[in-house]
Every structure is written in structure tokens, then in C-alpha cells.
Amino acid sequence: MDAPTQEITALVGREVYSNNGVFVGEVEDVRLDLDGVQVTGIAVHRANKELFGDRTAGKNGVIVPYDWVQAVGDVVLVSDVIERIKPVHEEDEAEVAV
């Protein structure tokens, strides 16, 4: 039996937590690969400052790779790898903060 499909917009507004229960932020949008017809990331705003520090200063949020998403339900669960993000160089920051 096929899993029920869900509108991408249903993700918007859901809270995002690591699978350890740490609040990450709230889904604001999704990043799509139109050629591959797949979701490649979720744009998270109200990002947890304890996780991201100054990376989100003056930014709207962060892009979390969709590969890190573990489950989608009432909330979005992402891998705990998000809790171990290391500081990035300025040239890499464009990929992290939006």
C-alpha cells in the first residue's frame, strides 16, 4: 500500500526538533530541486540561537538539508547532527544562513 501523499505547504509552520528533543526552529519554506522533483531542504526561521549562535544574526533563518529529516508528523524531527554544527568560514555561511 502506498503511503499517503501530503502537500509540501503542510510543512510550513511546523516546529522542528532534533531527535533528542532540542528545539531547532519553525519551518518557513522548503527548498526544491525542480529538475529532480524533490525537496532538498527546509528553511527554518525562529532558529534556536543556542544551536546557531551568530550565524542567524541579521538573517531570516537557516536551511536544513532534507537528508537530515528523520520524520514528519505534528512536528518535524531532524537528526541530532544539527546539535553538532561547527563554526563555518564566511564563504560557507551563504549555504547555512538565508
PDB file of N, CA and C in Angstrom:
ATOM      1  N   MET A   1       0.835  -1.172   0.000  1.00  0.00           N
ATOM      2  CA  MET A   1       0.000   0.000   0.000  1.00  0.00           C
ATOM      3  C   MET A   1       0.888   1.246   0.000  1.00  0.00           C
ATOM      4  N   ASP A   2       0.576   2.221  -0.840  1.00  0.00           N
ATOM      5  CA  ASP A   2       1.352   3.452  -0.923  1.00  0.00           C
ATOM      6  C   ASP A   2       1.087   4.340   0.287  1.00  0.00           C
ATOM      7  N   ALA A   3       2.135   5.032   0.713  1.00  0.00           N
ATOM      8  CA  ALA A   3       1.982   5.990   1.809  1.00  0.00           C
ATOM      9  C   ALA A   3       1.162   7.171   1.304  1.00  0.00           C
ATOM     10  N   PRO A   4       0.330   7.762   2.164  1.00  0.00           N
ATOM     11  CA  PRO A   4      -0.459   8.903   1.718  1.00  0.00           C
ATOM     12  C   PRO A   4       0.456  10.074   1.380  1.00  0.00           C
ATOM     13  N   THR A   5       0.116  10.789   0.317  1.00  0.00           N
ATOM     14  CA  THR A   5       0.904  11.954  -0.067  1.00  0.00           C
ATOM     15  C   THR A   5       0.428  13.158   0.721  1.00  0.00           C
ATOM     16  N   GLN A   6       1.299  14.152   0.817  1.00  0.00           N
ATOM     17  CA  GLN A   6       0.994  15.339   1.594  1.00  0.00           C
ATOM     18  C   GLN A   6       1.471  16.553   0.821  1.00  0.00           C
ATOM     19  N   GLU A   7       0.732  17.619   0.901  1.00  0.00           N
ATOM     20  CA  GLU A   7       1.137  18.868   0.272  1.00  0.00           C
ATOM     21  C   GLU A   7       2.413  19.377   0.935  1.00  0.00           C
ATOM     22  N   ILE A   8       3.324  19.907   0.129  1.00  0.00           N
ATOM     23  CA  ILE A   8       4.553  20.483   0.669  1.00  0.00           C
ATOM     24  C   ILE A   8       4.224  21.615   1.623  1.00  0.00           C
ATOM     25  N   THR A   9       3.199  22.379   1.304  1.00  0.00           N
ATOM     26  CA  THR A   9       2.841  23.514   2.149  1.00  0.00           C
ATOM     27  C   THR A   9       2.388  23.076   3.537  1.00  0.00           C
ATOM     28  N   ALA A  10       2.066  21.810   3.710  1.00  0.00           N
ATOM     29  CA  ALA A  10       1.664  21.316   5.036  1.00  0.00           C
ATOM     30  C   ALA A  10       2.834  21.360   6.019  1.00  0.00           C
ATOM     31  N   LEU A  11       4.063  21.425   5.513  1.00  0.00           N
ATOM     32  CA  LEU A  11       5.236  21.525   6.388  1.00  0.00           C
ATOM     33  C   LEU A  11       5.378  22.912   7.009  1.00  0.00           C
ATOM     34  N   VAL A  12       4.918  23.923   6.289  1.00  0.00           N
ATOM     35  CA  VAL A  12       5.093  25.303   6.726  1.00  0.00           C
ATOM     36  C   VAL A  12       4.380  25.523   8.059  1.00  0.00           C
ATOM     37  N   GLY A  13       5.109  26.108   8.994  1.00  0.00           N
ATOM     38  CA  GLY A  13       4.555  26.405  10.309  1.00  0.00           C
ATOM     39  C   GLY A  13       4.815  25.327  11.353  1.00  0.00           C
ATOM     40  N   ARG A  14       5.289  24.162  10.924  1.00  0.00           N
ATOM     41  CA  ARG A  14       5.560  23.095  11.899  1.00  0.00           C
ATOM     42  C   ARG A  14       6.860  23.372  12.632  1.00  0.00           C
ATOM     43  N   GLU A  15       6.870  23.054  13.904  1.00  0.00           N
ATOM     44  CA  GLU A  15       8.080  23.201  14.692  1.00  0.00           C
ATOM     45  C   GLU A  15       9.050  22.086  14.336  1.00  0.00           C
ATOM     46  N   VAL A  16      10.339  22.406  14.413  1.00  0.00           N
ATOM     47  CA  VAL A  16      11.405  21.463  14.091  1.00  0.00           C
ATOM     48  C   VAL A  16      12.192  21.177  15.369  1.00  0.00           C
ATOM     49  N   TYR A  17      12.390  19.887  15.648  1.00  0.00           N
ATOM     50  CA  TYR A  17      13.154  19.450  16.811  1.00  0.00           C
ATOM     51  C   TYR A  17      14.191  18.426  16.365  1.00  0.00           C
ATOM     52  N   SER A  18      15.308  18.375  17.102  1.00  0.00           N
ATOM     53  CA  SER A  18      16.261  17.286  16.860  1.00  0.00           C
ATOM     54  C   SER A  18      15.628  16.022  17.433  1.00  0.00           C
ATOM     55  N   ASN A  19      16.145  14.865  17.042  1.00  0.00           N
ATOM     56  CA  ASN A  19      15.568  13.635  17.582  1.00  0.00           C
ATOM     57  C   ASN A  19      15.921  13.443  19.051  1.00  0.00           C
ATOM     58  N   ASN A  20      16.701  14.388  19.627  1.00  0.00           N
ATOM     59  CA  ASN A  20      16.961  14.413  21.069  1.00  0.00           C
ATOM     60  C   ASN A  20      16.002  15.355  21.797  1.00  0.00           C
ATOM     61  N   GLY A  21      15.088  15.976  21.056  1.00  0.00           N
ATOM     62  CA  GLY A  21      14.103  16.863  21.660  1.00  0.00           C
ATOM     63  C   GLY A  21      14.509  18.312  21.768  1.00  0.00           C
ATOM     64  N   VAL A  22      15.619  18.715  21.135  1.00  0.00           N
ATOM     65  CA  VAL A  22      16.075  20.102  21.171  1.00  0.00           C
ATOM     66  C   VAL A  22      15.337  20.898  20.098  1.00  0.00           C
ATOM     67  N   PHE A  23      14.730  22.023  20.500  1.00  0.00           N
ATOM     68  CA  PHE A  23      14.026  22.890  19.550  1.00  0.00           C
ATOM     69  C   PHE A  23      15.026  23.483  18.565  1.00  0.00           C
ATOM     70  N   VAL A  24      14.736  23.361  17.262  1.00  0.00           N
ATOM     71  CA  VAL A  24      15.605  23.889  16.214  1.00  0.00           C
ATOM     72  C   VAL A  24      15.030  25.183  15.646  1.00  0.00           C
ATOM     73  N   GLY A  25      13.720  25.214  15.404  1.00  0.00           N
ATOM     74  CA  GLY A  25      13.072  26.386  14.822  1.00  0.00           C
ATOM     75  C   GLY A  25      11.713  26.009  14.276  1.00  0.00           C
ATOM     76  N   GLU A  26      11.256  26.773  13.300  1.00  0.00           N
ATOM     77  CA  GLU A  26       9.953  26.550  12.693  1.00  0.00           C
ATOM     78  C   GLU A  26      10.096  26.585  11.177  1.00  0.00           C
ATOM     79  N   VAL A  27       9.445  25.664  10.481  1.00  0.00           N
ATOM     80  CA  VAL A  27       9.523  25.613   9.023  1.00  0.00           C
ATOM     81  C   VAL A  27       8.834  26.842   8.435  1.00  0.00           C
ATOM     82  N   GLU A  28       9.580  27.570   7.614  1.00  0.00           N
ATOM     83  CA  GLU A  28       9.028  28.734   6.930  1.00  0.00           C
ATOM     84  C   GLU A  28       8.792  28.443   5.454  1.00  0.00           C
ATOM     85  N   ASP A  29       9.619  27.581   4.885  1.00  0.00           N
ATOM     86  CA  ASP A  29       9.531  27.275   3.459  1.00  0.00           C
ATOM     87  C   ASP A  29      10.318  26.011   3.184  1.00  0.00           C
ATOM     88  N   VAL A  30      10.297  25.557   1.956  1.00  0.00           N
ATOM     89  CA  VAL A  30      11.086  24.392   1.561  1.00  0.00           C
ATOM     90  C   VAL A  30      11.963  24.767   0.374  1.00  0.00           C
ATOM     91  N   ARG A  31      13.087  24.077   0.247  1.00  0.00           N
ATOM     92  CA  ARG A  31      13.971  24.247  -0.911  1.00  0.00           C
ATOM     93  C   ARG A  31      13.719  23.064  -1.830  1.00  0.00           C
ATOM     94  N   LEU A  32      13.461  23.368  -3.096  1.00  0.00           N
ATOM     95  CA  LEU A  32      13.129  22.326  -4.065  1.00  0.00           C
ATOM     96  C   LEU A  32      14.180  22.225  -5.144  1.00  0.00           C
ATOM     97  N   ASP A  33      14.398  21.010  -5.637  1.00  0.00           N
ATOM     98  CA  ASP A  33      15.176  20.760  -6.842  1.00  0.00           C
ATOM     99  C   ASP A  33      14.140  20.456  -7.908  1.00  0.00           C
ATOM    100  N   LEU A  34      13.850  21.439  -8.752  1.00  0.00           N
ATOM    101  CA  LEU A  34      12.784  21.271  -9.738  1.00  0.00           C
ATOM    102  C   LEU A  34      13.145  20.254 -10.814  1.00  0.00           C
ATOM    103  N   ASP A  35      14.437  20.152 -11.140  1.00  0.00           N
ATOM    104  CA  ASP A  35      14.850  19.166 -12.145  1.00  0.00           C
ATOM    105  C   ASP A  35      14.690  17.749 -11.602  1.00  0.00           C
ATOM    106  N   GLY A  36      15.080  17.548 -10.358  1.00  0.00           N
ATOM    107  CA  GLY A  36      14.988  16.234  -9.736  1.00  0.00           C
ATOM    108  C   GLY A  36      13.645  15.965  -9.086  1.00  0.00           C
ATOM    109  N   VAL A  37      12.779  16.983  -9.068  1.00  0.00           N
ATOM    110  CA  VAL A  37      11.445  16.895  -8.477  1.00  0.00           C
ATOM    111  C   VAL A  37      11.514  16.332  -7.059  1.00  0.00           C
ATOM    112  N   GLN A  38      12.277  17.031  -6.210  1.00  0.00           N
ATOM    113  CA  GLN A  38      12.393  16.581  -4.829  1.00  0.00           C
ATOM    114  C   GLN A  38      12.687  17.759  -3.904  1.00  0.00           C
ATOM    115  N   VAL A  39      12.357  17.580  -2.640  1.00  0.00           N
ATOM    116  CA  VAL A  39      12.675  18.559  -1.614  1.00  0.00           C
ATOM    117  C   VAL A  39      14.131  18.331  -1.208  1.00  0.00           C
ATOM    118  N   THR A  40      14.920  19.414  -1.173  1.00  0.00           N
ATOM    119  CA  THR A  40      16.332  19.279  -0.807  1.00  0.00           C
ATOM    120  C   THR A  40      16.651  19.920   0.537  1.00  0.00           C
ATOM    121  N   GLY A  41      15.734  20.726   1.057  1.00  0.00           N
ATOM    122  CA  GLY A  41      15.989  21.355   2.340  1.00  0.00           C
ATOM    123  C   GLY A  41      14.737  22.014   2.883  1.00  0.00           C
ATOM    124  N   ILE A  42      14.793  22.347   4.172  1.00  0.00           N
ATOM    125  CA  ILE A  42      13.709  23.114   4.774  1.00  0.00           C
ATOM    126  C   ILE A  42      14.287  24.410   5.308  1.00  0.00           C
ATOM    127  N   ALA A  43      13.610  25.511   5.010  1.00  0.00           N
ATOM    128  CA  ALA A  43      14.010  26.818   5.511  1.00  0.00           C
ATOM    129  C   ALA A  43      13.392  26.987   6.883  1.00  0.00           C
ATOM    130  N   VAL A  44      14.257  27.159   7.879  1.00  0.00           N
ATOM    131  CA  VAL A  44      13.816  27.246   9.265  1.00  0.00           C
ATOM    132  C   VAL A  44      14.035  28.667   9.775  1.00  0.00           C
ATOM    133  N   HIS A  45      12.970  29.281  10.304  1.00  0.00           N
ATOM    134  CA  HIS A  45      13.115  30.586  10.941  1.00  0.00           C
ATOM    135  C   HIS A  45      12.845  30.413  12.424  1.00  0.00           C
ATOM    136  N   ARG A  46      12.975  31.518  13.183  1.00  0.00           N
ATOM    137  CA  ARG A  46      12.918  31.428  14.654  1.00  0.00           C
ATOM    138  C   ARG A  46      13.930  30.397  15.150  1.00  0.00           C
ATOM    139  N   ALA A  47      15.089  30.375  14.481  1.00  0.00           N
ATOM    140  CA  ALA A  47      16.118  29.377  14.772  1.00  0.00           C
ATOM    141  C   ALA A  47      16.646  29.520  16.198  1.00  0.00           C
ATOM    142  N   ASN A  48      16.891  28.393  16.820  1.00  0.00           N
ATOM    143  CA  ASN A  48      17.410  28.318  18.184  1.00  0.00           C
ATOM    144  C   ASN A  48      18.804  28.950  18.225  1.00  0.00           C
ATOM    145  N   LYS A  49      18.918  30.063  18.927  1.00  0.00           N
ATOM    146  CA  LYS A  49      20.198  30.781  18.993  1.00  0.00           C
ATOM    147  C   LYS A  49      21.278  29.976  19.698  1.00  0.00           C
ATOM    148  N   GLU A  50      20.908  29.064  20.578  1.00  0.00           N
ATOM    149  CA  GLU A  50      21.905  28.223  21.246  1.00  0.00           C
ATOM    150  C   GLU A  50      22.554  27.254  20.260  1.00  0.00           C
ATOM    151  N   LEU A  51      21.831  26.853  19.232  1.00  0.00           N
ATOM    152  CA  LEU A  51      22.389  25.952  18.221  1.00  0.00           C
ATOM    153  C   LEU A  51      23.181  26.705  17.161  1.00  0.00           C
ATOM    154  N   PHE A  52      22.677  27.861  16.749  1.00  0.00           N
ATOM    155  CA  PHE A  52      23.241  28.545  15.589  1.00  0.00           C
ATOM    156  C   PHE A  52      24.045  29.787  15.926  1.00  0.00           C
ATOM    157  N   GLY A  53      23.987  30.253  17.167  1.00  0.00           N
ATOM    158  CA  GLY A  53      24.775  31.409  17.582  1.00  0.00           C
ATOM    159  C   GLY A  53      24.575  32.608  16.680  1.00  0.00           C
ATOM    160  N   ASP A  54      25.683  33.226  16.287  1.00  0.00           N
ATOM    161  CA  ASP A  54      25.638  34.436  15.468  1.00  0.00           C
ATOM    162  C   ASP A  54      25.359  34.166  13.998  1.00  0.00           C
ATOM    163  N   ARG A  55      25.284  32.918  13.600  1.00  0.00           N
ATOM    164  CA  ARG A  55      25.044  32.602  12.187  1.00  0.00           C
ATOM    165  C   ARG A  55      23.746  33.192  11.678  1.00  0.00           C
ATOM    166  N   THR A  56      22.769  33.337  12.550  1.00  0.00           N
ATOM    167  CA  THR A  56      21.471  33.836  12.104  1.00  0.00           C
ATOM    168  C   THR A  56      21.306  35.336  12.349  1.00  0.00           C
ATOM    169  N   ALA A  57      22.321  35.995  12.933  1.00  0.00           N
ATOM    170  CA  ALA A  57      22.239  37.438  13.182  1.00  0.00           C
ATOM    171  C   ALA A  57      22.056  38.172  11.860  1.00  0.00           C
ATOM    172  N   GLY A  58      20.993  38.937  11.760  1.00  0.00           N
ATOM    173  CA  GLY A  58      20.713  39.688  10.538  1.00  0.00           C
ATOM    174  C   GLY A  58      20.176  38.834   9.401  1.00  0.00           C
ATOM    175  N   LYS A  59      19.931  37.573   9.654  1.00  0.00           N
ATOM    176  CA  LYS A  59      19.417  36.650   8.636  1.00  0.00           C
ATOM    177  C   LYS A  59      17.996  36.235   9.005  1.00  0.00           C
ATOM    178  N   ASN A  60      17.302  35.643   8.056  1.00  0.00           N
ATOM    179  CA  ASN A  60      15.938  35.180   8.306  1.00  0.00           C
ATOM    180  C   ASN A  60      15.890  33.806   8.951  1.00  0.00           C
ATOM    181  N   GLY A  61      16.949  33.024   8.786  1.00  0.00           N
ATOM    182  CA  GLY A  61      16.950  31.673   9.341  1.00  0.00           C
ATOM    183  C   GLY A  61      18.049  30.834   8.744  1.00  0.00           C
ATOM    184  N   VAL A  62      17.834  29.526   8.701  1.00  0.00           N
ATOM    185  CA  VAL A  62      18.821  28.593   8.160  1.00  0.00           C
ATOM    186  C   VAL A  62      18.127  27.581   7.255  1.00  0.00           C
ATOM    187  N   ILE A  63      18.907  26.990   6.367  1.00  0.00           N
ATOM    188  CA  ILE A  63      18.424  25.893   5.533  1.00  0.00           C
ATOM    189  C   ILE A  63      18.954  24.601   6.135  1.00  0.00           C
ATOM    190  N   VAL A  64      18.052  23.695   6.467  1.00  0.00           N
ATOM    191  CA  VAL A  64      18.425  22.387   6.989  1.00  0.00           C
ATOM    192  C   VAL A  64      18.304  21.383   5.842  1.00  0.00           C
ATOM    193  N   PRO A  65      19.373  20.647   5.533  1.00  0.00           N
ATOM    194  CA  PRO A  65      19.290  19.656   4.446  1.00  0.00           C
ATOM    195  C   PRO A  65      18.161  18.650   4.709  1.00  0.00           C
ATOM    196  N   TYR A  66      17.402  18.347   3.676  1.00  0.00           N
ATOM    197  CA  TYR A  66      16.272  17.431   3.857  1.00  0.00           C
ATOM    198  C   TYR A  66      16.746  16.028   4.222  1.00  0.00           C
ATOM    199  N   ASP A  67      17.991  15.698   3.882  1.00  0.00           N
ATOM    200  CA  ASP A  67      18.550  14.398   4.274  1.00  0.00           C
ATOM    201  C   ASP A  67      18.579  14.236   5.793  1.00  0.00           C
ATOM    202  N   TRP A  68      18.589  15.350   6.521  1.00  0.00           N
ATOM    203  CA  TRP A  68      18.624  15.295   7.980  1.00  0.00           C
ATOM    204  C   TRP A  68      17.244  15.055   8.586  1.00  0.00           C
ATOM    205  N   VAL A  69      16.182  15.203   7.786  1.00  0.00           N
ATOM    206  CA  VAL A  69      14.830  15.000   8.308  1.00  0.00           C
ATOM    207  C   VAL A  69      14.614  13.518   8.574  1.00  0.00           C
ATOM    208  N   GLN A  70      14.248  13.208   9.811  1.00  0.00           N
ATOM    209  CA  GLN A  70      14.023  11.830  10.239  1.00  0.00           C
ATOM    210  C   GLN A  70      12.548  11.447  10.151  1.00  0.00           C
ATOM    211  N   ALA A  71      11.655  12.398  10.484  1.00  0.00           N
ATOM    212  CA  ALA A  71      10.222  12.114  10.490  1.00  0.00           C
ATOM    213  C   ALA A  71       9.449  13.423  10.385  1.00  0.00           C
ATOM    214  N   VAL A  72       8.264  13.315   9.791  1.00  0.00           N
ATOM    215  CA  VAL A  72       7.354  14.449   9.699  1.00  0.00           C
ATOM    216  C   VAL A  72       6.011  14.005  10.253  1.00  0.00           C
ATOM    217  N   GLY A  73       5.534  14.730  11.213  1.00  0.00           N
ATOM    218  CA  GLY A  73       4.231  14.461  11.822  1.00  0.00           C
ATOM    219  C   GLY A  73       3.689  15.782  12.308  1.00  0.00           C
ATOM    220  N   ASP A  74       3.253  15.818  13.557  1.00  0.00           N
ATOM    221  CA  ASP A  74       2.820  17.091  14.142  1.00  0.00           C
ATOM    222  C   ASP A  74       3.991  18.062  14.227  1.00  0.00           C
ATOM    223  N   VAL A  75       5.201  17.521  14.347  1.00  0.00           N
ATOM    224  CA  VAL A  75       6.439  18.296  14.309  1.00  0.00           C
ATOM    225  C   VAL A  75       7.367  17.620  13.304  1.00  0.00           C
ATOM    226  N   VAL A  76       8.443  18.314  12.953  1.00  0.00           N
ATOM    227  CA  VAL A  76       9.460  17.746  12.071  1.00  0.00           C
ATOM    228  C   VAL A  76      10.650  17.367  12.942  1.00  0.00           C
ATOM    229  N   LEU A  77      11.070  16.110  12.861  1.00  0.00           N
ATOM    230  CA  LEU A  77      12.243  15.651  13.597  1.00  0.00           C
ATOM    231  C   LEU A  77      13.427  15.577  12.650  1.00  0.00           C
ATOM    232  N   VAL A  78      14.557  16.150  13.100  1.00  0.00           N
ATOM    233  CA  VAL A  78      15.773  16.101  12.294  1.00  0.00           C
ATOM    234  C   VAL A  78      16.860  15.398  13.092  1.00  0.00           C
ATOM    235  N   SER A  79      17.848  14.914  12.387  1.00  0.00           N
ATOM    236  CA  SER A  79      18.978  14.216  13.001  1.00  0.00           C
ATOM    237  C   SER A  79      19.646  15.089  14.048  1.00  0.00           C
ATOM    238  N   ASP A  80      20.183  14.443  15.069  1.00  0.00           N
ATOM    239  CA  ASP A  80      20.876  15.197  16.113  1.00  0.00           C
ATOM    240  C   ASP A  80      22.201  15.775  15.624  1.00  0.00           C
ATOM    241  N   VAL A  81      22.585  15.500  14.386  1.00  0.00           N
ATOM    242  CA  VAL A  81      23.795  16.107  13.826  1.00  0.00           C
ATOM    243  C   VAL A  81      23.673  17.628  13.876  1.00  0.00           C
ATOM    244  N   ILE A  82      22.470  18.146  13.848  1.00  0.00           N
ATOM    245  CA  ILE A  82      22.262  19.592  13.898  1.00  0.00           C
ATOM    246  C   ILE A  82      22.777  20.185  15.206  1.00  0.00           C
ATOM    247  N   GLU A  83      22.853  19.379  16.243  1.00  0.00           N
ATOM    248  CA  GLU A  83      23.355  19.850  17.531  1.00  0.00           C
ATOM    249  C   GLU A  83      24.879  19.943  17.546  1.00  0.00           C
ATOM    250  N   ARG A  84      25.533  19.390  16.531  1.00  0.00           N
ATOM    251  CA  ARG A  84      26.997  19.362  16.500  1.00  0.00           C
ATOM    252  C   ARG A  84      27.579  20.206  15.378  1.00  0.00           C
ATOM    253  N   ILE A  85      26.821  21.165  14.898  1.00  0.00           N
ATOM    254  CA  ILE A  85      27.308  22.028  13.816  1.00  0.00           C
ATOM    255  C   ILE A  85      28.519  22.805  14.302  1.00  0.00           C
ATOM    256  N   LYS A  86      29.555  22.799  13.488  1.00  0.00           N
ATOM    257  CA  LYS A  86      30.781  23.516  13.827  1.00  0.00           C
ATOM    258  C   LYS A  86      30.765  24.878  13.150  1.00  0.00           C
ATOM    259  N   PRO A  87      31.546  25.826  13.670  1.00  0.00           N
ATOM    260  CA  PRO A  87      31.629  27.142  13.028  1.00  0.00           C
ATOM    261  C   PRO A  87      32.046  26.997  11.566  1.00  0.00           C
ATOM    262  N   VAL A  88      31.502  27.869  10.726  1.00  0.00           N
ATOM    263  CA  VAL A  88      31.817  27.831   9.301  1.00  0.00           C
ATOM    264  C   VAL A  88      32.609  29.062   8.915  1.00  0.00           C
ATOM    265  N   HIS A  89      33.291  28.948   7.788  1.00  0.00           N
ATOM    266  CA  HIS A  89      34.002  30.081   7.241  1.00  0.00           C
ATOM    267  C   HIS A  89      33.003  30.977   6.530  1.00  0.00           C
ATOM    268  N   GLU A  90      33.345  32.239   6.355  1.00  0.00           N
ATOM    269  CA  GLU A  90      32.419  33.203   5.740  1.00  0.00           C
ATOM    270  C   GLU A  90      31.906  32.724   4.391  1.00  0.00           C
ATOM    271  N   GLU A  91      32.774  32.128   3.570  1.00  0.00           N
ATOM    272  CA  GLU A  91      32.335  31.713   2.234  1.00  0.00           C
ATOM    273  C   GLU A  91      31.312  30.578   2.296  1.00  0.00           C
ATOM    274  N   ASP A  92      31.307  29.798   3.360  1.00  0.00           N
ATOM    275  CA  ASP A  92      30.327  28.732   3.514  1.00  0.00           C
ATOM    276  C   ASP A  92      29.032  29.221   4.145  1.00  0.00           C
ATOM    277  N   GLU A  93      29.072  30.378   4.750  1.00  0.00           N
ATOM    278  CA  GLU A  93      27.933  30.872   5.506  1.00  0.00           C
ATOM    279  C   GLU A  93      26.709  31.086   4.624  1.00  0.00           C
ATOM    280  N   ALA A  94      26.892  31.415   3.353  1.00  0.00           N
ATOM    281  CA  ALA A  94      25.756  31.629   2.470  1.00  0.00           C
ATOM    282  C   ALA A  94      24.915  30.361   2.347  1.00  0.00           C
ATOM    283  N   GLU A  95      25.528  29.202   2.458  1.00  0.00           N
ATOM    284  CA  GLU A  95      24.785  27.952   2.397  1.00  0.00           C
ATOM    285  C   GLU A  95      24.021  27.676   3.672  1.00  0.00           C
ATOM    286  N   VAL A  96      24.498  28.180   4.790  1.00  0.00           N
ATOM    287  CA  VAL A  96      23.882  27.897   6.070  1.00  0.00           C
ATOM    288  C   VAL A  96      22.774  28.885   6.388  1.00  0.00           C
ATOM    289  N   ALA A  97      23.043  30.160   6.252  1.00  0.00           N
ATOM    290  CA  ALA A  97      22.062  31.181   6.626  1.00  0.00           C
ATOM    291  C   ALA A  97      21.437  31.790   5.373  1.00  0.00           C
ATOM    292  N   VAL A  98      20.150  32.092   5.492  1.00  0.00           N
ATOM    293  CA  VAL A  98      19.438  32.705   4.375  1.00  0.00           C
ATOM    294  C   VAL A  98      18.867  34.048   4.790  1.00  0.00           C
TER     295      VAL A  98
END
